[in-house]
Amino acid sequence: RLGGGILSEYFVRSKTIPRTIWMACTQFIMIIVYLLFA
């Protein structure tokens, strides 16, 4: 929660990268995580 706010704030200001791209990145990681659980 804290890191998501910091990271998205930095890149949205420096590169105008939409915050939702980090939701895409983390959900891709969650695919790997769920496969580890399985």
PDB file of all heavy atoms in Angstrom:
ATOM      1  N   ARG A   1       0.831  -1.212   0.000  1.00  0.00           N
ATOM      2  CA  ARG A   1       0.000   0.000   0.000  1.00  0.00           C
ATOM      3  C   ARG A   1       0.861   1.255   0.000  1.00  0.00           C
ATOM      4  O   ARG A   1       0.604   2.202  -0.752  1.00  0.00           O
ATOM      5  CB  ARG A   1      -0.925  -0.008   1.209  1.00  0.00           C
ATOM      6  CG  ARG A   1      -1.960  -1.121   1.186  1.00  0.00           C
ATOM      7  CD  ARG A   1      -2.921  -1.015   2.352  1.00  0.00           C
ATOM      8  NE  ARG A   1      -3.884  -2.116   2.363  1.00  0.00           N
ATOM      9  CZ  ARG A   1      -5.054  -2.068   2.957  1.00  0.00           C
ATOM     10  NH1 ARG A   1      -5.441  -0.973   3.582  1.00  0.00           N
ATOM     11  NH2 ARG A   1      -5.866  -3.104   2.934  1.00  0.00           N
ATOM     12  N   LEU A   2       1.858   1.270   0.859  1.00  0.00           N
ATOM     13  CA  LEU A   2       2.733   2.443   0.931  1.00  0.00           C
ATOM     14  C   LEU A   2       3.605   2.554  -0.314  1.00  0.00           C
ATOM     15  O   LEU A   2       3.719   3.624  -0.920  1.00  0.00           O
ATOM     16  CB  LEU A   2       3.605   2.357   2.180  1.00  0.00           C
ATOM     17  CG  LEU A   2       4.540   3.540   2.441  1.00  0.00           C
ATOM     18  CD1 LEU A   2       3.740   4.798   2.731  1.00  0.00           C
ATOM     19  CD2 LEU A   2       5.482   3.242   3.601  1.00  0.00           C
ATOM     20  N   GLY A   3       4.220   1.441  -0.716  1.00  0.00           N
ATOM     21  CA  GLY A   3       5.107   1.463  -1.878  1.00  0.00           C
ATOM     22  C   GLY A   3       4.371   1.750  -3.165  1.00  0.00           C
ATOM     23  O   GLY A   3       4.905   2.424  -4.058  1.00  0.00           O
ATOM     24  N   GLY A   4       3.135   1.240  -3.291  1.00  0.00           N
ATOM     25  CA  GLY A   4       2.371   1.518  -4.494  1.00  0.00           C
ATOM     26  C   GLY A   4       2.099   3.003  -4.662  1.00  0.00           C
ATOM     27  O   GLY A   4       2.160   3.529  -5.781  1.00  0.00           O
ATOM     28  N   GLY A   5       1.820   3.674  -3.555  1.00  0.00           N
ATOM     29  CA  GLY A   5       1.607   5.112  -3.623  1.00  0.00           C
ATOM     30  C   GLY A   5       2.863   5.867  -4.008  1.00  0.00           C
ATOM     31  O   GLY A   5       2.835   6.768  -4.846  1.00  0.00           O
ATOM     32  N   ILE A   6       3.989   5.478  -3.415  1.00  0.00           N
ATOM     33  CA  ILE A   6       5.261   6.157  -3.703  1.00  0.00           C
ATOM     34  C   ILE A   6       5.689   5.922  -5.143  1.00  0.00           C
ATOM     35  O   ILE A   6       6.058   6.853  -5.871  1.00  0.00           O
ATOM     36  CB  ILE A   6       6.357   5.667  -2.733  1.00  0.00           C
ATOM     37  CG1 ILE A   6       5.999   6.023  -1.284  1.00  0.00           C
ATOM     38  CG2 ILE A   6       7.708   6.249  -3.112  1.00  0.00           C
ATOM     39  CD1 ILE A   6       6.942   5.429  -0.263  1.00  0.00           C
ATOM     40  N   LEU A   7       5.654   4.655  -5.570  1.00  0.00           N
ATOM     41  CA  LEU A   7       6.132   4.294  -6.907  1.00  0.00           C
ATOM     42  C   LEU A   7       5.273   4.930  -7.989  1.00  0.00           C
ATOM     43  O   LEU A   7       5.798   5.514  -8.956  1.00  0.00           O
ATOM     44  CB  LEU A   7       6.118   2.769  -7.052  1.00  0.00           C
ATOM     45  CG  LEU A   7       6.916   2.180  -8.214  1.00  0.00           C
ATOM     46  CD1 LEU A   7       8.404   2.430  -8.019  1.00  0.00           C
ATOM     47  CD2 LEU A   7       6.654   0.678  -8.342  1.00  0.00           C
ATOM     48  N   SER A   8       3.958   4.835  -7.849  1.00  0.00           N
ATOM     49  CA  SER A   8       3.079   5.400  -8.877  1.00  0.00           C
ATOM     50  C   SER A   8       3.191   6.917  -8.926  1.00  0.00           C
ATOM     51  O   SER A   8       3.126   7.512 -10.005  1.00  0.00           O
ATOM     52  CB  SER A   8       1.632   4.984  -8.611  1.00  0.00           C
ATOM     53  OG  SER A   8       1.134   5.561  -7.416  1.00  0.00           O
ATOM     54  N   GLU A   9       3.397   7.540  -7.764  1.00  0.00           N
ATOM     55  CA  GLU A   9       3.534   9.005  -7.733  1.00  0.00           C
ATOM     56  C   GLU A   9       4.813   9.449  -8.435  1.00  0.00           C
ATOM     57  O   GLU A   9       4.823  10.450  -9.165  1.00  0.00           O
ATOM     58  CB  GLU A   9       3.536   9.492  -6.282  1.00  0.00           C
ATOM     59  CG  GLU A   9       3.408  10.995  -6.129  1.00  0.00           C
ATOM     60  CD  GLU A   9       2.002  11.509  -6.381  1.00  0.00           C
ATOM     61  OE1 GLU A   9       1.065  10.681  -6.463  1.00  0.00           O
ATOM     62  OE2 GLU A   9       1.842  12.731  -6.514  1.00  0.00           O
ATOM     63  N   TYR A  10       5.887   8.695  -8.249  1.00  0.00           N
ATOM     64  CA  TYR A  10       7.174   9.063  -8.871  1.00  0.00           C
ATOM     65  C   TYR A  10       7.083   8.958 -10.393  1.00  0.00           C
ATOM     66  O   TYR A  10       7.464   9.891 -11.117  1.00  0.00           O
ATOM     67  CB  TYR A  10       8.283   8.157  -8.339  1.00  0.00           C
ATOM     68  CG  TYR A  10       9.602   8.345  -9.059  1.00  0.00           C
ATOM     69  CD1 TYR A  10      10.420   9.442  -8.784  1.00  0.00           C
ATOM     70  CD2 TYR A  10      10.004   7.440 -10.039  1.00  0.00           C
ATOM     71  CE1 TYR A  10      11.618   9.627  -9.466  1.00  0.00           C
ATOM     72  CE2 TYR A  10      11.191   7.613 -10.721  1.00  0.00           C
ATOM     73  CZ  TYR A  10      11.999   8.709 -10.437  1.00  0.00           C
ATOM     74  OH  TYR A  10      13.184   8.881 -11.110  1.00  0.00           O
ATOM     75  N   PHE A  11       6.581   7.837 -10.903  1.00  0.00           N
ATOM     76  CA  PHE A  11       6.575   7.628 -12.347  1.00  0.00           C
ATOM     77  C   PHE A  11       5.500   8.438 -13.052  1.00  0.00           C
ATOM     78  O   PHE A  11       5.642   8.761 -14.223  1.00  0.00           O
ATOM     79  CB  PHE A  11       6.417   6.136 -12.654  1.00  0.00           C
ATOM     80  CG  PHE A  11       7.692   5.354 -12.522  1.00  0.00           C
ATOM     81  CD1 PHE A  11       7.977   4.665 -11.362  1.00  0.00           C
ATOM     82  CD2 PHE A  11       8.618   5.346 -13.547  1.00  0.00           C
ATOM     83  CE1 PHE A  11       9.161   3.957 -11.227  1.00  0.00           C
ATOM     84  CE2 PHE A  11       9.806   4.645 -13.424  1.00  0.00           C
ATOM     85  CZ  PHE A  11      10.083   3.944 -12.263  1.00  0.00           C
ATOM     86  N   VAL A  12       4.422   8.765 -12.353  1.00  0.00           N
ATOM     87  CA  VAL A  12       3.407   9.576 -13.007  1.00  0.00           C
ATOM     88  C   VAL A  12       3.901  11.008 -13.168  1.00  0.00           C
ATOM     89  O   VAL A  12       3.520  11.711 -14.119  1.00  0.00           O
ATOM     90  CB  VAL A  12       2.085   9.531 -12.207  1.00  0.00           C
ATOM     91  CG1 VAL A  12       2.113  10.459 -11.012  1.00  0.00           C
ATOM     92  CG2 VAL A  12       0.901   9.907 -13.098  1.00  0.00           C
ATOM     93  N   ARG A  13       4.773  11.447 -12.277  1.00  0.00           N
ATOM     94  CA  ARG A  13       5.307  12.806 -12.373  1.00  0.00           C
ATOM     95  C   ARG A  13       6.494  12.879 -13.329  1.00  0.00           C
ATOM     96  O   ARG A  13       6.648  13.852 -14.063  1.00  0.00           O
ATOM     97  CB  ARG A  13       5.730  13.312 -10.991  1.00  0.00           C
ATOM     98  CG  ARG A  13       4.555  13.622 -10.074  1.00  0.00           C
ATOM     99  CD  ARG A  13       5.030  14.038  -8.690  1.00  0.00           C
ATOM    100  NE  ARG A  13       3.904  14.399  -7.841  1.00  0.00           N
ATOM    101  CZ  ARG A  13       3.373  15.614  -7.767  1.00  0.00           C
ATOM    102  NH1 ARG A  13       3.874  16.586  -8.514  1.00  0.00           N
ATOM    103  NH2 ARG A  13       2.352  15.870  -6.985  1.00  0.00           N
ATOM    104  N   SER A  14       7.348  11.865 -13.303  1.00  0.00           N
ATOM    105  CA  SER A  14       8.574  11.916 -14.115  1.00  0.00           C
ATOM    106  C   SER A  14       8.353  11.424 -15.541  1.00  0.00           C
ATOM    107  O   SER A  14       8.978  11.927 -16.476  1.00  0.00           O
ATOM    108  CB  SER A  14       9.668  11.084 -13.455  1.00  0.00           C
ATOM    109  OG  SER A  14       9.277   9.725 -13.342  1.00  0.00           O
ATOM    110  N   LYS A  15       7.444  10.433 -15.725  1.00  0.00           N
ATOM    111  CA  LYS A  15       7.257   9.836 -17.051  1.00  0.00           C
ATOM    112  C   LYS A  15       5.810   9.889 -17.538  1.00  0.00           C
ATOM    113  O   LYS A  15       5.518   9.394 -18.632  1.00  0.00           O
ATOM    114  CB  LYS A  15       7.700   8.366 -17.027  1.00  0.00           C
ATOM    115  CG  LYS A  15       9.122   8.134 -16.527  1.00  0.00           C
ATOM    116  CD  LYS A  15      10.170   8.682 -17.483  1.00  0.00           C
ATOM    117  CE  LYS A  15      11.566   8.335 -16.989  1.00  0.00           C
ATOM    118  NZ  LYS A  15      12.615   8.874 -17.915  1.00  0.00           N
ATOM    119  N   THR A  16       4.916  10.486 -16.754  1.00  0.00           N
ATOM    120  CA  THR A  16       3.465  10.496 -17.023  1.00  0.00           C
ATOM    121  C   THR A  16       2.934   9.091 -17.319  1.00  0.00           C
ATOM    122  O   THR A  16       2.069   8.897 -18.171  1.00  0.00           O
ATOM    123  CB  THR A  16       3.098  11.458 -18.178  1.00  0.00           C
ATOM    124  OG1 THR A  16       3.685  10.988 -19.397  1.00  0.00           O
ATOM    125  CG2 THR A  16       3.547  12.875 -17.887  1.00  0.00           C
ATOM    126  N   ILE A  17       3.473   8.100 -16.619  1.00  0.00           N
ATOM    127  CA  ILE A  17       3.014   6.724 -16.766  1.00  0.00           C
ATOM    128  C   ILE A  17       1.767   6.536 -15.900  1.00  0.00           C
ATOM    129  O   ILE A  17       1.801   6.803 -14.702  1.00  0.00           O
ATOM    130  CB  ILE A  17       4.107   5.727 -16.339  1.00  0.00           C
ATOM    131  CG1 ILE A  17       5.312   5.840 -17.272  1.00  0.00           C
ATOM    132  CG2 ILE A  17       3.575   4.295 -16.328  1.00  0.00           C
ATOM    133  CD1 ILE A  17       6.464   4.936 -16.890  1.00  0.00           C
ATOM    134  N   PRO A  18       0.662   6.101 -16.471  1.00  0.00           N
ATOM    135  CA  PRO A  18      -0.567   5.916 -15.677  1.00  0.00           C
ATOM    136  C   PRO A  18      -0.342   4.979 -14.498  1.00  0.00           C
ATOM    137  O   PRO A  18       0.392   3.987 -14.596  1.00  0.00           O
ATOM    138  CB  PRO A  18      -1.545   5.307 -16.691  1.00  0.00           C
ATOM    139  CG  PRO A  18      -1.042   5.747 -18.023  1.00  0.00           C
ATOM    140  CD  PRO A  18       0.452   5.790 -17.897  1.00  0.00           C
ATOM    141  N   ARG A  19      -0.988   5.275 -13.405  1.00  0.00           N
ATOM    142  CA  ARG A  19      -0.808   4.461 -12.199  1.00  0.00           C
ATOM    143  C   ARG A  19      -1.253   3.016 -12.413  1.00  0.00           C
ATOM    144  O   ARG A  19      -0.712   2.097 -11.814  1.00  0.00           O
ATOM    145  CB  ARG A  19      -1.614   5.068 -11.050  1.00  0.00           C
ATOM    146  CG  ARG A  19      -1.226   6.482 -10.678  1.00  0.00           C
ATOM    147  CD  ARG A  19      -2.023   6.975  -9.491  1.00  0.00           C
ATOM    148  NE  ARG A  19      -1.909   8.415  -9.328  1.00  0.00           N
ATOM    149  CZ  ARG A  19      -0.937   9.023  -8.647  1.00  0.00           C
ATOM    150  NH1 ARG A  19      -0.009   8.304  -8.065  1.00  0.00           N
ATOM    151  NH2 ARG A  19      -0.905  10.339  -8.541  1.00  0.00           N
ATOM    152  N   THR A  20      -2.252   2.823 -13.276  1.00  0.00           N
ATOM    153  CA  THR A  20      -2.811   1.485 -13.453  1.00  0.00           C
ATOM    154  C   THR A  20      -1.826   0.498 -14.062  1.00  0.00           C
ATOM    155  O   THR A  20      -2.067  -0.709 -14.017  1.00  0.00           O
ATOM    156  CB  THR A  20      -4.062   1.552 -14.336  1.00  0.00           C
ATOM    157  OG1 THR A  20      -3.772   2.332 -15.513  1.00  0.00           O
ATOM    158  CG2 THR A  20      -5.215   2.208 -13.592  1.00  0.00           C
ATOM    159  N   ILE A  21      -0.727   0.973 -14.608  1.00  0.00           N
ATOM    160  CA  ILE A  21       0.272   0.044 -15.144  1.00  0.00           C
ATOM    161  C   ILE A  21       0.863  -0.808 -14.030  1.00  0.00           C
ATOM    162  O   ILE A  21       1.294  -1.947 -14.246  1.00  0.00           O
ATOM    163  CB  ILE A  21       1.387   0.820 -15.902  1.00  0.00           C
ATOM    164  CG1 ILE A  21       2.158  -0.125 -16.830  1.00  0.00           C
ATOM    165  CG2 ILE A  21       2.336   1.497 -14.929  1.00  0.00           C
ATOM    166  CD1 ILE A  21       1.334  -0.666 -17.980  1.00  0.00           C
ATOM    167  N   TRP A  22       0.848  -0.268 -12.795  1.00  0.00           N
ATOM    168  CA  TRP A  22       1.389  -1.030 -11.660  1.00  0.00           C
ATOM    169  C   TRP A  22       0.388  -2.079 -11.194  1.00  0.00           C
ATOM    170  O   TRP A  22       0.787  -3.101 -10.628  1.00  0.00           O
ATOM    171  CB  TRP A  22       1.759  -0.078 -10.523  1.00  0.00           C
ATOM    172  CG  TRP A  22       2.757   0.941 -10.980  1.00  0.00           C
ATOM    173  CD1 TRP A  22       2.534   2.262 -11.186  1.00  0.00           C
ATOM    174  CD2 TRP A  22       4.114   0.697 -11.361  1.00  0.00           C
ATOM    175  NE1 TRP A  22       3.666   2.874 -11.658  1.00  0.00           N
ATOM    176  CE2 TRP A  22       4.656   1.935 -11.776  1.00  0.00           C
ATOM    177  CE3 TRP A  22       4.915  -0.440 -11.386  1.00  0.00           C
ATOM    178  CZ2 TRP A  22       5.973   2.053 -12.213  1.00  0.00           C
ATOM    179  CZ3 TRP A  22       6.221  -0.318 -11.827  1.00  0.00           C
ATOM    180  CH2 TRP A  22       6.742   0.913 -12.235  1.00  0.00           C
ATOM    181  N   MET A  23      -0.887  -1.861 -11.461  1.00  0.00           N
ATOM    182  CA  MET A  23      -1.855  -2.920 -11.220  1.00  0.00           C
ATOM    183  C   MET A  23      -1.634  -4.071 -12.195  1.00  0.00           C
ATOM    184  O   MET A  23      -1.764  -5.248 -11.840  1.00  0.00           O
ATOM    185  CB  MET A  23      -3.285  -2.371 -11.344  1.00  0.00           C
ATOM    186  CG  MET A  23      -3.615  -1.265 -10.351  1.00  0.00           C
ATOM    187  SD  MET A  23      -5.290  -0.596 -10.511  1.00  0.00           S
ATOM    188  CE  MET A  23      -6.221  -1.811  -9.571  1.00  0.00           C
ATOM    189  N   ALA A  24      -1.259  -3.724 -13.434  1.00  0.00           N
ATOM    190  CA  ALA A  24      -0.952  -4.760 -14.423  1.00  0.00           C
ATOM    191  C   ALA A  24       0.282  -5.559 -14.007  1.00  0.00           C
ATOM    192  O   ALA A  24       0.292  -6.791 -14.085  1.00  0.00           O
ATOM    193  CB  ALA A  24      -0.740  -4.121 -15.797  1.00  0.00           C
ATOM    194  N   CYS A  25       1.322  -4.858 -13.564  1.00  0.00           N
ATOM    195  CA  CYS A  25       2.569  -5.533 -13.160  1.00  0.00           C
ATOM    196  C   CYS A  25       2.325  -6.463 -11.973  1.00  0.00           C
ATOM    197  O   CYS A  25       2.798  -7.612 -11.959  1.00  0.00           O
ATOM    198  CB  CYS A  25       3.636  -4.501 -12.819  1.00  0.00           C
ATOM    199  SG  CYS A  25       4.206  -3.532 -14.229  1.00  0.00           S
ATOM    200  N   THR A  26       1.614  -5.961 -10.959  1.00  0.00           N
ATOM    201  CA  THR A  26       1.408  -6.773  -9.759  1.00  0.00           C
ATOM    202  C   THR A  26       0.482  -7.951 -10.040  1.00  0.00           C
ATOM    203  O   THR A  26       0.669  -9.036  -9.473  1.00  0.00           O
ATOM    204  CB  THR A  26       0.840  -5.916  -8.613  1.00  0.00           C
ATOM    205  OG1 THR A  26      -0.307  -5.191  -9.080  1.00  0.00           O
ATOM    206  CG2 THR A  26       1.875  -4.934  -8.111  1.00  0.00           C
ATOM    207  N   GLN A  27      -0.498  -7.770 -10.914  1.00  0.00           N
ATOM    208  CA  GLN A  27      -1.369  -8.896 -11.226  1.00  0.00           C
ATOM    209  C   GLN A  27      -0.641  -9.949 -12.055  1.00  0.00           C
ATOM    210  O   GLN A  27      -0.939 -11.147 -11.963  1.00  0.00           O
ATOM    211  CB  GLN A  27      -2.640  -8.417 -11.929  1.00  0.00           C
ATOM    212  CG  GLN A  27      -3.566  -7.647 -11.002  1.00  0.00           C
ATOM    213  CD  GLN A  27      -4.952  -7.427 -11.573  1.00  0.00           C
ATOM    214  OE1 GLN A  27      -5.390  -8.142 -12.463  1.00  0.00           O
ATOM    215  NE2 GLN A  27      -5.650  -6.418 -11.051  1.00  0.00           N
ATOM    216  N   PHE A  28       0.334  -9.532 -12.835  1.00  0.00           N
ATOM    217  CA  PHE A  28       1.177 -10.514 -13.531  1.00  0.00           C
ATOM    218  C   PHE A  28       2.002 -11.310 -12.519  1.00  0.00           C
ATOM    219  O   PHE A  28       2.149 -12.528 -12.639  1.00  0.00           O
ATOM    220  CB  PHE A  28       2.094  -9.813 -14.529  1.00  0.00           C
ATOM    221  CG  PHE A  28       3.009 -10.754 -15.255  1.00  0.00           C
ATOM    222  CD1 PHE A  28       2.543 -11.525 -16.314  1.00  0.00           C
ATOM    223  CD2 PHE A  28       4.344 -10.887 -14.878  1.00  0.00           C
ATOM    224  CE1 PHE A  28       3.385 -12.405 -16.988  1.00  0.00           C
ATOM    225  CE2 PHE A  28       5.189 -11.769 -15.537  1.00  0.00           C
ATOM    226  CZ  PHE A  28       4.708 -12.525 -16.599  1.00  0.00           C
ATOM    227  N   ILE A  29       2.530 -10.617 -11.503  1.00  0.00           N
ATOM    228  CA  ILE A  29       3.266 -11.311 -10.445  1.00  0.00           C
ATOM    229  C   ILE A  29       2.343 -12.252  -9.675  1.00  0.00           C
ATOM    230  O   ILE A  29       2.742 -13.349  -9.267  1.00  0.00           O
ATOM    231  CB  ILE A  29       3.921 -10.289  -9.492  1.00  0.00           C
ATOM    232  CG1 ILE A  29       4.964  -9.457 -10.244  1.00  0.00           C
ATOM    233  CG2 ILE A  29       4.563 -10.984  -8.286  1.00  0.00           C
ATOM    234  CD1 ILE A  29       5.553  -8.325  -9.423  1.00  0.00           C
ATOM    235  N   MET A  30       1.086 -11.829  -9.497  1.00  0.00           N
ATOM    236  CA  MET A  30       0.121 -12.670  -8.783  1.00  0.00           C
ATOM    237  C   MET A  30      -0.150 -13.984  -9.521  1.00  0.00           C
ATOM    238  O   MET A  30      -0.458 -15.002  -8.898  1.00  0.00           O
ATOM    239  CB  MET A  30      -1.185 -11.898  -8.560  1.00  0.00           C
ATOM    240  CG  MET A  30      -1.051 -10.767  -7.542  1.00  0.00           C
ATOM    241  SD  MET A  30      -2.478  -9.644  -7.493  1.00  0.00           S
ATOM    242  CE  MET A  30      -3.653 -10.632  -6.573  1.00  0.00           C
ATOM    243  N   ILE A  31      -0.021 -13.978 -10.843  1.00  0.00           N
ATOM    244  CA  ILE A  31      -0.152 -15.234 -11.597  1.00  0.00           C
ATOM    245  C   ILE A  31       0.905 -16.224 -11.131  1.00  0.00           C
ATOM    246  O   ILE A  31       0.614 -17.398 -10.846  1.00  0.00           O
ATOM    247  CB  ILE A  31      -0.006 -14.968 -13.114  1.00  0.00           C
ATOM    248  CG1 ILE A  31      -1.108 -14.035 -13.615  1.00  0.00           C
ATOM    249  CG2 ILE A  31      -0.022 -16.280 -13.884  1.00  0.00           C
ATOM    250  CD1 ILE A  31      -0.933 -13.626 -15.071  1.00  0.00           C
ATOM    251  N   ILE A  32       2.143 -15.743 -11.032  1.00  0.00           N
ATOM    252  CA  ILE A  32       3.244 -16.598 -10.571  1.00  0.00           C
ATOM    253  C   ILE A  32       3.016 -17.039  -9.135  1.00  0.00           C
ATOM    254  O   ILE A  32       3.269 -18.198  -8.772  1.00  0.00           O
ATOM    255  CB  ILE A  32       4.584 -15.844 -10.720  1.00  0.00           C
ATOM    256  CG1 ILE A  32       4.801 -15.425 -12.175  1.00  0.00           C
ATOM    257  CG2 ILE A  32       5.745 -16.696 -10.204  1.00  0.00           C
ATOM    258  CD1 ILE A  32       6.014 -14.544 -12.386  1.00  0.00           C
ATOM    259  N   VAL A  33       2.528 -16.121  -8.316  1.00  0.00           N
ATOM    260  CA  VAL A  33       2.290 -16.436  -6.900  1.00  0.00           C
ATOM    261  C   VAL A  33       1.246 -17.547  -6.758  1.00  0.00           C
ATOM    262  O   VAL A  33       1.432 -18.499  -5.992  1.00  0.00           O
ATOM    263  CB  VAL A  33       1.829 -15.172  -6.145  1.00  0.00           C
ATOM    264  CG1 VAL A  33       1.325 -15.533  -4.756  1.00  0.00           C
ATOM    265  CG2 VAL A  33       2.984 -14.177  -6.033  1.00  0.00           C
ATOM    266  N   TYR A  34       0.157 -17.439  -7.497  1.00  0.00           N
ATOM    267  CA  TYR A  34      -0.891 -18.462  -7.402  1.00  0.00           C
ATOM    268  C   TYR A  34      -0.407 -19.817  -7.919  1.00  0.00           C
ATOM    269  O   TYR A  34      -0.823 -20.869  -7.410  1.00  0.00           O
ATOM    270  CB  TYR A  34      -2.141 -18.016  -8.156  1.00  0.00           C
ATOM    271  CG  TYR A  34      -2.839 -16.845  -7.505  1.00  0.00           C
ATOM    272  CD1 TYR A  34      -3.340 -15.787  -8.259  1.00  0.00           C
ATOM    273  CD2 TYR A  34      -2.987 -16.778  -6.123  1.00  0.00           C
ATOM    274  CE1 TYR A  34      -3.984 -14.711  -7.665  1.00  0.00           C
ATOM    275  CE2 TYR A  34      -3.619 -15.701  -5.515  1.00  0.00           C
ATOM    276  CZ  TYR A  34      -4.107 -14.670  -6.289  1.00  0.00           C
ATOM    277  OH  TYR A  34      -4.727 -13.611  -5.689  1.00  0.00           O
ATOM    278  N   LEU A  35       0.467 -19.790  -8.921  1.00  0.00           N
ATOM    279  CA  LEU A  35       1.056 -21.048  -9.391  1.00  0.00           C
ATOM    280  C   LEU A  35       1.967 -21.653  -8.329  1.00  0.00           C
ATOM    281  O   LEU A  35       2.038 -22.881  -8.184  1.00  0.00           O
ATOM    282  CB  LEU A  35       1.815 -20.816 -10.701  1.00  0.00           C
ATOM    283  CG  LEU A  35       0.953 -20.428 -11.909  1.00  0.00           C
ATOM    284  CD1 LEU A  35       1.827 -20.178 -13.135  1.00  0.00           C
ATOM    285  CD2 LEU A  35      -0.077 -21.513 -12.212  1.00  0.00           C
ATOM    286  N   LEU A  36       2.656 -20.794  -7.569  1.00  0.00           N
ATOM    287  CA  LEU A  36       3.466 -21.296  -6.453  1.00  0.00           C
ATOM    288  C   LEU A  36       2.593 -21.920  -5.380  1.00  0.00           C
ATOM    289  O   LEU A  36       2.910 -22.991  -4.842  1.00  0.00           O
ATOM    290  CB  LEU A  36       4.302 -20.158  -5.858  1.00  0.00           C
ATOM    291  CG  LEU A  36       5.547 -19.715  -6.625  1.00  0.00           C
ATOM    292  CD1 LEU A  36       6.187 -18.519  -5.940  1.00  0.00           C
ATOM    293  CD2 LEU A  36       6.552 -20.860  -6.726  1.00  0.00           C
ATOM    294  N   PHE A  37       1.490 -21.247  -5.051  1.00  0.00           N
ATOM    295  CA  PHE A  37       0.551 -21.815  -4.079  1.00  0.00           C
ATOM    296  C   PHE A  37       0.025 -23.168  -4.561  1.00  0.00           C
ATOM    297  O   PHE A  37      -0.084 -24.116  -3.789  1.00  0.00           O
ATOM    298  CB  PHE A  37      -0.626 -20.864  -3.858  1.00  0.00           C
ATOM    299  CG  PHE A  37      -0.374 -19.791  -2.834  1.00  0.00           C
ATOM    300  CD1 PHE A  37      -0.409 -18.449  -3.182  1.00  0.00           C
ATOM    301  CD2 PHE A  37      -0.120 -20.118  -1.506  1.00  0.00           C
ATOM    302  CE1 PHE A  37      -0.191 -17.455  -2.242  1.00  0.00           C
ATOM    303  CE2 PHE A  37       0.101 -19.135  -0.553  1.00  0.00           C
ATOM    304  CZ  PHE A  37       0.069 -17.801  -0.918  1.00  0.00           C
ATOM    305  N   ALA A  38      -0.321 -23.235  -5.847  1.00  0.00           N
ATOM    306  CA  ALA A  38      -0.891 -24.469  -6.392  1.00  0.00           C
ATOM    307  C   ALA A  38       0.121 -25.610  -6.385  1.00  0.00           C
ATOM    308  O   ALA A  38      -0.236 -26.768  -6.155  1.00  0.00           O
ATOM    309  CB  ALA A  38      -1.399 -24.224  -7.810  1.00  0.00           C
TER     310      ALA A  38
END
